[in-house]
Amino acid sequence: MKFIPTPKPMTPVDKGISQGAELAAGVLVFFLIGLGIDTWLGTVPVFMIVLTVFGVVGYFVRMYYAYNSVMAKLEKERSEKSRGDQA
C-alpha cells in the first residue's frame, strides 16, 4: 500500500526558478562573506566586490558545464535514435 504519491518530474519552469534562487542565494552568501571580511579588516569594499564577482563567475561556469553535459546527453540520444531509424 502506497501512501506517498510519486513526485512528478520537474518542468522547465521549476528548474528555472530553482536555478534563479540558487544564483541569488549563492551571490548573497559571497557578498555577505566579503562584507564581513571588509568590516573586520576595516578595508574599502574590496573583498565584498571580489567575492561577489567570484560567486557570479563561479555560478556561470557551473551552469556552462551543466548545460554542456545535458546537451551531450541529448546529442547522444539523438544520434542513437537516428542510427536506429536507418537500420
PDB file of N, CA and C in Angstrom:
ATOM      1  N   MET A   1       0.845  -1.163   0.000  1.00  0.00           N
ATOM      2  CA  MET A   1       0.000   0.000   0.000  1.00  0.00           C
ATOM      3  C   MET A   1       0.900   1.240   0.000  1.00  0.00           C
ATOM      4  N   LYS A   2       0.637   2.160  -0.937  1.00  0.00           N
ATOM      5  CA  LYS A   2       1.439   3.375  -1.053  1.00  0.00           C
ATOM      6  C   LYS A   2       0.642   4.573  -0.557  1.00  0.00           C
ATOM      7  N   PHE A   3       1.200   5.287   0.389  1.00  0.00           N
ATOM      8  CA  PHE A   3       0.555   6.494   0.883  1.00  0.00           C
ATOM      9  C   PHE A   3       1.148   7.751   0.275  1.00  0.00           C
ATOM     10  N   ILE A   4       2.411   7.664  -0.127  1.00  0.00           N
ATOM     11  CA  ILE A   4       3.086   8.834  -0.683  1.00  0.00           C
ATOM     12  C   ILE A   4       3.018   8.752  -2.202  1.00  0.00           C
ATOM     13  N   PRO A   5       2.439   9.749  -2.849  1.00  0.00           N
ATOM     14  CA  PRO A   5       2.377   9.707  -4.310  1.00  0.00           C
ATOM     15  C   PRO A   5       3.764   9.916  -4.913  1.00  0.00           C
ATOM     16  N   THR A   6       3.960   9.355  -6.084  1.00  0.00           N
ATOM     17  CA  THR A   6       5.244   9.554  -6.754  1.00  0.00           C
ATOM     18  C   THR A   6       5.320  10.990  -7.249  1.00  0.00           C
ATOM     19  N   PRO A   7       6.439  11.640  -7.036  1.00  0.00           N
ATOM     20  CA  PRO A   7       6.550  13.037  -7.456  1.00  0.00           C
ATOM     21  C   PRO A   7       6.601  13.145  -8.972  1.00  0.00           C
ATOM     22  N   LYS A   8       5.986  14.197  -9.488  1.00  0.00           N
ATOM     23  CA  LYS A   8       6.019  14.407 -10.934  1.00  0.00           C
ATOM     24  C   LYS A   8       7.377  14.996 -11.313  1.00  0.00           C
ATOM     25  N   PRO A   9       7.826  14.743 -12.533  1.00  0.00           N
ATOM     26  CA  PRO A   9       9.123  15.288 -12.941  1.00  0.00           C
ATOM     27  C   PRO A   9       9.100  16.812 -12.978  1.00  0.00           C
ATOM     28  N   MET A  10      10.284  17.393 -12.824  1.00  0.00           N
ATOM     29  CA  MET A  10      10.380  18.854 -12.819  1.00  0.00           C
ATOM     30  C   MET A  10      10.089  19.410 -14.208  1.00  0.00           C
ATOM     31  N   THR A  11       9.368  20.493 -14.250  1.00  0.00           N
ATOM     32  CA  THR A  11       9.117  21.180 -15.510  1.00  0.00           C
ATOM     33  C   THR A  11      10.205  22.225 -15.715  1.00  0.00           C
ATOM     34  N   PRO A  12      10.352  22.732 -16.940  1.00  0.00           N
ATOM     35  CA  PRO A  12      11.365  23.772 -17.167  1.00  0.00           C
ATOM     36  C   PRO A  12      11.181  24.999 -16.271  1.00  0.00           C
ATOM     37  N   VAL A  13       9.936  25.335 -15.943  1.00  0.00           N
ATOM     38  CA  VAL A  13       9.695  26.484 -15.070  1.00  0.00           C
ATOM     39  C   VAL A  13      10.252  26.209 -13.677  1.00  0.00           C
ATOM     40  N   ASP A  14      10.023  24.996 -13.169  1.00  0.00           N
ATOM     41  CA  ASP A  14      10.548  24.629 -11.849  1.00  0.00           C
ATOM     42  C   ASP A  14      12.071  24.702 -11.827  1.00  0.00           C
ATOM     43  N   LYS A  15      12.699  24.205 -12.884  1.00  0.00           N
ATOM     44  CA  LYS A  15      14.160  24.231 -12.952  1.00  0.00           C
ATOM     45  C   LYS A  15      14.670  25.665 -13.010  1.00  0.00           C
ATOM     46  N   GLY A  16      13.990  26.511 -13.769  1.00  0.00           N
ATOM     47  CA  GLY A  16      14.409  27.911 -13.883  1.00  0.00           C
ATOM     48  C   GLY A  16      14.303  28.650 -12.566  1.00  0.00           C
ATOM     49  N   ILE A  17      13.214  28.422 -11.854  1.00  0.00           N
ATOM     50  CA  ILE A  17      13.031  29.078 -10.556  1.00  0.00           C
ATOM     51  C   ILE A  17      14.085  28.594  -9.570  1.00  0.00           C
ATOM     52  N   SER A  18      14.355  27.295  -9.584  1.00  0.00           N
ATOM     53  CA  SER A  18      15.355  26.766  -8.653  1.00  0.00           C
ATOM     54  C   SER A  18      16.748  27.272  -8.993  1.00  0.00           C
ATOM     55  N   GLN A  19      17.080  27.397 -10.279  1.00  0.00           N
ATOM     56  CA  GLN A  19      18.392  27.929 -10.666  1.00  0.00           C
ATOM     57  C   GLN A  19      18.514  29.403 -10.293  1.00  0.00           C
ATOM     58  N   GLY A  20      17.443  30.164 -10.469  1.00  0.00           N
ATOM     59  CA  GLY A  20      17.472  31.574 -10.096  1.00  0.00           C
ATOM     60  C   GLY A  20      17.643  31.770  -8.602  1.00  0.00           C
ATOM     61  N   ALA A  21      16.937  30.966  -7.826  1.00  0.00           N
ATOM     62  CA  ALA A  21      17.068  31.059  -6.368  1.00  0.00           C
ATOM     63  C   ALA A  21      18.467  30.649  -5.924  1.00  0.00           C
ATOM     64  N   GLU A  22      19.017  29.635  -6.578  1.00  0.00           N
ATOM     65  CA  GLU A  22      20.373  29.193  -6.243  1.00  0.00           C
ATOM     66  C   GLU A  22      21.396  30.278  -6.570  1.00  0.00           C
ATOM     67  N   LEU A  23      21.229  30.936  -7.703  1.00  0.00           N
ATOM     68  CA  LEU A  23      22.131  32.029  -8.080  1.00  0.00           C
ATOM     69  C   LEU A  23      22.040  33.165  -7.071  1.00  0.00           C
ATOM     70  N   ALA A  24      20.818  33.574  -6.740  1.00  0.00           N
ATOM     71  CA  ALA A  24      20.639  34.682  -5.803  1.00  0.00           C
ATOM     72  C   ALA A  24      21.213  34.347  -4.423  1.00  0.00           C
ATOM     73  N   ALA A  25      20.945  33.149  -3.949  1.00  0.00           N
ATOM     74  CA  ALA A  25      21.445  32.760  -2.628  1.00  0.00           C
ATOM     75  C   ALA A  25      22.967  32.665  -2.615  1.00  0.00           C
ATOM     76  N   GLY A  26      23.535  32.096  -3.665  1.00  0.00           N
ATOM     77  CA  GLY A  26      24.994  31.972  -3.731  1.00  0.00           C
ATOM     78  C   GLY A  26      25.690  33.313  -3.775  1.00  0.00           C
ATOM     79  N   VAL A  27      25.172  34.221  -4.599  1.00  0.00           N
ATOM     80  CA  VAL A  27      25.761  35.559  -4.692  1.00  0.00           C
ATOM     81  C   VAL A  27      25.604  36.292  -3.362  1.00  0.00           C
ATOM     82  N   LEU A  28      24.448  36.152  -2.734  1.00  0.00           N
ATOM     83  CA  LEU A  28      24.218  36.805  -1.444  1.00  0.00           C
ATOM     84  C   LEU A  28      25.193  36.287  -0.381  1.00  0.00           C
ATOM     85  N   VAL A  29      25.437  34.992  -0.370  1.00  0.00           N
ATOM     86  CA  VAL A  29      26.370  34.420   0.611  1.00  0.00           C
ATOM     87  C   VAL A  29      27.771  34.983   0.406  1.00  0.00           C
ATOM     88  N   PHE A  30      28.260  34.992  -0.846  1.00  0.00           N
ATOM     89  CA  PHE A  30      29.598  35.530  -1.104  1.00  0.00           C
ATOM     90  C   PHE A  30      29.662  37.029  -0.809  1.00  0.00           C
ATOM     91  N   PHE A  31      28.583  37.752  -1.112  1.00  0.00           N
ATOM     92  CA  PHE A  31      28.517  39.181  -0.809  1.00  0.00           C
ATOM     93  C   PHE A  31      28.647  39.411   0.696  1.00  0.00           C
ATOM     94  N   LEU A  32      27.891  38.648   1.477  1.00  0.00           N
ATOM     95  CA  LEU A  32      27.915  38.822   2.930  1.00  0.00           C
ATOM     96  C   LEU A  32      29.252  38.408   3.537  1.00  0.00           C
ATOM     97  N   ILE A  33      29.860  37.359   2.990  1.00  0.00           N
ATOM     98  CA  ILE A  33      31.191  36.968   3.476  1.00  0.00           C
ATOM     99  C   ILE A  33      32.187  38.088   3.194  1.00  0.00           C
ATOM    100  N   GLY A  34      32.143  38.643   1.980  1.00  0.00           N
ATOM    101  CA  GLY A  34      33.036  39.751   1.635  1.00  0.00           C
ATOM    102  C   GLY A  34      32.790  40.971   2.497  1.00  0.00           C
ATOM    103  N   LEU A  35      31.520  41.273   2.749  1.00  0.00           N
ATOM    104  CA  LEU A  35      31.178  42.407   3.606  1.00  0.00           C
ATOM    105  C   LEU A  35      31.701  42.186   5.021  1.00  0.00           C
ATOM    106  N   GLY A  36      31.570  40.958   5.515  1.00  0.00           N
ATOM    107  CA  GLY A  36      32.080  40.644   6.848  1.00  0.00           C
ATOM    108  C   GLY A  36      33.592  40.785   6.938  1.00  0.00           C
ATOM    109  N   ILE A  37      34.296  40.314   5.926  1.00  0.00           N
ATOM    110  CA  ILE A  37      35.761  40.440   5.921  1.00  0.00           C
ATOM    111  C   ILE A  37      36.163  41.905   5.846  1.00  0.00           C
ATOM    112  N   ASP A  38      35.481  42.678   4.987  1.00  0.00           N
ATOM    113  CA  ASP A  38      35.798  44.106   4.878  1.00  0.00           C
ATOM    114  C   ASP A  38      35.530  44.842   6.183  1.00  0.00           C
ATOM    115  N   THR A  39      34.442  44.517   6.851  1.00  0.00           N
ATOM    116  CA  THR A  39      34.129  45.156   8.130  1.00  0.00           C
ATOM    117  C   THR A  39      35.164  44.773   9.184  1.00  0.00           C
ATOM    118  N   TRP A  40      35.534  43.513   9.206  1.00  0.00           N
ATOM    119  CA  TRP A  40      36.503  43.013  10.179  1.00  0.00           C
ATOM    120  C   TRP A  40      37.876  43.650   9.984  1.00  0.00           C
ATOM    121  N   LEU A  41      38.310  43.776   8.711  1.00  0.00           N
ATOM    122  CA  LEU A  41      39.630  44.340   8.431  1.00  0.00           C
ATOM    123  C   LEU A  41      39.617  45.863   8.305  1.00  0.00           C
ATOM    124  N   GLY A  42      38.428  46.449   8.215  1.00  0.00           N
ATOM    125  CA  GLY A  42      38.324  47.897   8.068  1.00  0.00           C
ATOM    126  C   GLY A  42      38.798  48.390   6.708  1.00  0.00           C
ATOM    127  N   THR A  43      38.610  47.581   5.687  1.00  0.00           N
ATOM    128  CA  THR A  43      39.049  47.955   4.340  1.00  0.00           C
ATOM    129  C   THR A  43      37.885  48.503   3.534  1.00  0.00           C
ATOM    130  N   VAL A  44      38.239  49.096   2.406  1.00  0.00           N
ATOM    131  CA  VAL A  44      37.194  49.508   1.462  1.00  0.00           C
ATOM    132  C   VAL A  44      36.538  48.235   0.941  1.00  0.00           C
ATOM    133  N   PRO A  45      35.416  48.317   0.266  1.00  0.00           N
ATOM    134  CA  PRO A  45      34.706  47.076  -0.089  1.00  0.00           C
ATOM    135  C   PRO A  45      35.397  46.238  -1.170  1.00  0.00           C
ATOM    136  N   VAL A  46      36.681  45.970  -0.963  1.00  0.00           N
ATOM    137  CA  VAL A  46      37.435  45.163  -1.929  1.00  0.00           C
ATOM    138  C   VAL A  46      36.979  43.711  -1.880  1.00  0.00           C
ATOM    139  N   PHE A  47      36.956  43.128  -0.696  1.00  0.00           N
ATOM    140  CA  PHE A  47      36.583  41.721  -0.571  1.00  0.00           C
ATOM    141  C   PHE A  47      35.124  41.501  -0.954  1.00  0.00           C
ATOM    142  N   MET A  48      34.273  42.463  -0.642  1.00  0.00           N
ATOM    143  CA  MET A  48      32.868  42.351  -0.998  1.00  0.00           C
ATOM    144  C   MET A  48      32.717  42.266  -2.514  1.00  0.00           C
ATOM    145  N   ILE A  49      33.400  43.132  -3.234  1.00  0.00           N
ATOM    146  CA  ILE A  49      33.305  43.140  -4.694  1.00  0.00           C
ATOM    147  C   ILE A  49      33.952  41.892  -5.280  1.00  0.00           C
ATOM    148  N   VAL A  50      35.142  41.559  -4.806  1.00  0.00           N
ATOM    149  CA  VAL A  50      35.871  40.404  -5.349  1.00  0.00           C
ATOM    150  C   VAL A  50      35.096  39.110  -5.114  1.00  0.00           C
ATOM    151  N   LEU A  51      34.592  38.912  -3.912  1.00  0.00           N
ATOM    152  CA  LEU A  51      33.872  37.672  -3.625  1.00  0.00           C
ATOM    153  C   LEU A  51      32.523  37.610  -4.338  1.00  0.00           C
ATOM    154  N   THR A  52      31.861  38.749  -4.532  1.00  0.00           N
ATOM    155  CA  THR A  52      30.611  38.763  -5.284  1.00  0.00           C
ATOM    156  C   THR A  52      30.865  38.379  -6.735  1.00  0.00           C
ATOM    157  N   VAL A  53      31.888  38.966  -7.341  1.00  0.00           N
ATOM    158  CA  VAL A  53      32.235  38.618  -8.725  1.00  0.00           C
ATOM    159  C   VAL A  53      32.645  37.149  -8.804  1.00  0.00           C
ATOM    160  N   PHE A  54      33.407  36.678  -7.821  1.00  0.00           N
ATOM    161  CA  PHE A  54      33.814  35.273  -7.778  1.00  0.00           C
ATOM    162  C   PHE A  54      32.587  34.360  -7.739  1.00  0.00           C
ATOM    163  N   GLY A  55      31.597  34.703  -6.926  1.00  0.00           N
ATOM    164  CA  GLY A  55      30.379  33.900  -6.831  1.00  0.00           C
ATOM    165  C   GLY A  55      29.603  33.876  -8.131  1.00  0.00           C
ATOM    166  N   VAL A  56      29.477  35.022  -8.784  1.00  0.00           N
ATOM    167  CA  VAL A  56      28.738  35.099 -10.050  1.00  0.00           C
ATOM    168  C   VAL A  56      29.460  34.308 -11.136  1.00  0.00           C
ATOM    169  N   VAL A  57      30.756  34.529 -11.270  1.00  0.00           N
ATOM    170  CA  VAL A  57      31.530  33.822 -12.298  1.00  0.00           C
ATOM    171  C   VAL A  57      31.513  32.316 -12.032  1.00  0.00           C
ATOM    172  N   GLY A  58      31.674  31.927 -10.789  1.00  0.00           N
ATOM    173  CA  GLY A  58      31.639  30.508 -10.443  1.00  0.00           C
ATOM    174  C   GLY A  58      30.313  29.865 -10.791  1.00  0.00           C
ATOM    175  N   TYR A  59      29.215  30.569 -10.542  1.00  0.00           N
ATOM    176  CA  TYR A  59      27.908  30.007 -10.865  1.00  0.00           C
ATOM    177  C   TYR A  59      27.726  29.870 -12.372  1.00  0.00           C
ATOM    178  N   PHE A  60      28.166  30.866 -13.136  1.00  0.00           N
ATOM    179  CA  PHE A  60      28.015  30.775 -14.582  1.00  0.00           C
ATOM    180  C   PHE A  60      28.908  29.690 -15.176  1.00  0.00           C
ATOM    181  N   VAL A  61      30.074  29.461 -14.596  1.00  0.00           N
ATOM    182  CA  VAL A  61      30.919  28.347 -15.040  1.00  0.00           C
ATOM    183  C   VAL A  61      30.209  27.027 -14.758  1.00  0.00           C
ATOM    184  N   ARG A  62      29.602  26.926 -13.595  1.00  0.00           N
ATOM    185  CA  ARG A  62      28.842  25.718 -13.242  1.00  0.00           C
ATOM    186  C   ARG A  62      27.685  25.504 -14.209  1.00  0.00           C
ATOM    187  N   MET A  63      26.964  26.577 -14.541  1.00  0.00           N
ATOM    188  CA  MET A  63      25.860  26.480 -15.497  1.00  0.00           C
ATOM    189  C   MET A  63      26.359  26.041 -16.870  1.00  0.00           C
ATOM    190  N   TYR A  64      27.515  26.554 -17.286  1.00  0.00           N
ATOM    191  CA  TYR A  64      28.087  26.207 -18.582  1.00  0.00           C
ATOM    192  C   TYR A  64      28.368  24.709 -18.662  1.00  0.00           C
ATOM    193  N   TYR A  65      29.000  24.154 -17.634  1.00  0.00           N
ATOM    194  CA  TYR A  65      29.312  22.727 -17.648  1.00  0.00           C
ATOM    195  C   TYR A  65      28.053  21.872 -17.530  1.00  0.00           C
ATOM    196  N   ALA A  66      27.081  22.307 -16.762  1.00  0.00           N
ATOM    197  CA  ALA A  66      25.822  21.568 -16.655  1.00  0.00           C
ATOM    198  C   ALA A  66      25.092  21.571 -17.994  1.00  0.00           C
ATOM    199  N   TYR A  67      25.078  22.710 -18.668  1.00  0.00           N
ATOM    200  CA  TYR A  67      24.432  22.816 -19.982  1.00  0.00           C
ATOM    201  C   TYR A  67      25.131  21.908 -20.988  1.00  0.00           C
ATOM    202  N   ASN A  68      26.457  21.937 -21.018  1.00  0.00           N
ATOM    203  CA  ASN A  68      27.195  21.083 -21.952  1.00  0.00           C
ATOM    204  C   ASN A  68      26.948  19.607 -21.675  1.00  0.00           C
ATOM    205  N   SER A  69      26.827  19.239 -20.414  1.00  0.00           N
ATOM    206  CA  SER A  69      26.556  17.852 -20.057  1.00  0.00           C
ATOM    207  C   SER A  69      25.188  17.412 -20.574  1.00  0.00           C
ATOM    208  N   VAL A  70      24.179  18.248 -20.376  1.00  0.00           N
ATOM    209  CA  VAL A  70      22.831  17.919 -20.845  1.00  0.00           C
ATOM    210  C   VAL A  70      22.799  17.853 -22.366  1.00  0.00           C
ATOM    211  N   MET A  71      23.456  18.796 -23.034  1.00  0.00           N
ATOM    212  CA  MET A  71      23.464  18.803 -24.496  1.00  0.00           C
ATOM    213  C   MET A  71      24.193  17.583 -25.056  1.00  0.00           C
ATOM    214  N   ALA A  72      25.278  17.165 -24.418  1.00  0.00           N
ATOM    215  CA  ALA A  72      25.991  15.966 -24.871  1.00  0.00           C
ATOM    216  C   ALA A  72      25.107  14.732 -24.727  1.00  0.00           C
ATOM    217  N   LYS A  73      24.369  14.658 -23.616  1.00  0.00           N
ATOM    218  CA  LYS A  73      23.462  13.532 -23.402  1.00  0.00           C
ATOM    219  C   LYS A  73      22.359  13.523 -24.456  1.00  0.00           C
ATOM    220  N   LEU A  74      21.766  14.677 -24.724  1.00  0.00           N
ATOM    221  CA  LEU A  74      20.705  14.755 -25.725  1.00  0.00           C
ATOM    222  C   LEU A  74      21.230  14.462 -27.125  1.00  0.00           C
ATOM    223  N   GLU A  75      22.423  14.927 -27.424  1.00  0.00           N
ATOM    224  CA  GLU A  75      23.025  14.654 -28.731  1.00  0.00           C
ATOM    225  C   GLU A  75      23.293  13.161 -28.900  1.00  0.00           C
ATOM    226  N   LYS A  76      23.743  12.509 -27.845  1.00  0.00           N
ATOM    227  CA  LYS A  76      23.977  11.065 -27.903  1.00  0.00           C
ATOM    228  C   LYS A  76      22.667  10.326 -28.139  1.00  0.00           C
ATOM    229  N   GLU A  77      21.604  10.721 -27.413  1.00  0.00           N
ATOM    230  CA  GLU A  77      20.293  10.096 -27.605  1.00  0.00           C
ATOM    231  C   GLU A  77      19.789  10.312 -29.023  1.00  0.00           C
ATOM    232  N   ARG A  78      19.963  11.522 -29.550  1.00  0.00           N
ATOM    233  CA  ARG A  78      19.502  11.832 -30.900  1.00  0.00           C
ATOM    234  C   ARG A  78      20.252  11.009 -31.941  1.00  0.00           C
ATOM    235  N   SER A  79      21.563  10.886 -31.775  1.00  0.00           N
ATOM    236  CA  SER A  79      22.339  10.112 -32.746  1.00  0.00           C
ATOM    237  C   SER A  79      21.997   8.627 -32.671  1.00  0.00           C
ATOM    238  N   GLU A  80      21.717   8.119 -31.463  1.00  0.00           N
ATOM    239  CA  GLU A  80      21.317   6.716 -31.331  1.00  0.00           C
ATOM    240  C   GLU A  80      19.964   6.473 -31.983  1.00  0.00           C
ATOM    241  N   LYS A  81      19.040   7.411 -31.843  1.00  0.00           N
ATOM    242  CA  LYS A  81      17.727   7.271 -32.474  1.00  0.00           C
ATOM    243  C   LYS A  81      17.849   7.317 -33.990  1.00  0.00           C
ATOM    244  N   SER A  82      18.676   8.209 -34.503  1.00  0.00           N
ATOM    245  CA  SER A  82      18.803   8.315 -35.958  1.00  0.00           C
ATOM    246  C   SER A  82      19.503   7.080 -36.529  1.00  0.00           C
ATOM    247  N   ARG A  83      20.445   6.500 -35.812  1.00  0.00           N
ATOM    248  CA  ARG A  83      21.078   5.260 -36.267  1.00  0.00           C
ATOM    249  C   ARG A  83      20.081   4.109 -36.232  1.00  0.00           C
ATOM    250  N   GLY A  84      19.198   4.119 -35.258  1.00  0.00           N
ATOM    251  CA  GLY A  84      18.188   3.067 -35.157  1.00  0.00           C
ATOM    252  C   GLY A  84      17.177   3.144 -36.283  1.00  0.00           C
ATOM    253  N   ASP A  85      16.863   4.349 -36.764  1.00  0.00           N
ATOM    254  CA  ASP A  85      15.902   4.512 -37.851  1.00  0.00           C
ATOM    255  C   ASP A  85      16.474   4.046 -39.181  1.00  0.00           C
ATOM    256  N   GLN A  86      17.771   4.166 -39.375  1.00  0.00           N
ATOM    257  CA  GLN A  86      18.387   3.811 -40.648  1.00  0.00           C
ATOM    258  C   GLN A  86      18.569   2.306 -40.793  1.00  0.00           C
ATOM    259  N   ALA A  87      18.627   1.582 -39.718  1.00  0.00           N
ATOM    260  CA  ALA A  87      18.912   0.144 -39.776  1.00  0.00           C
ATOM    261  C   ALA A  87      17.757  -0.669 -40.234  1.00  0.00           C
TER     262      ALA A  87
END
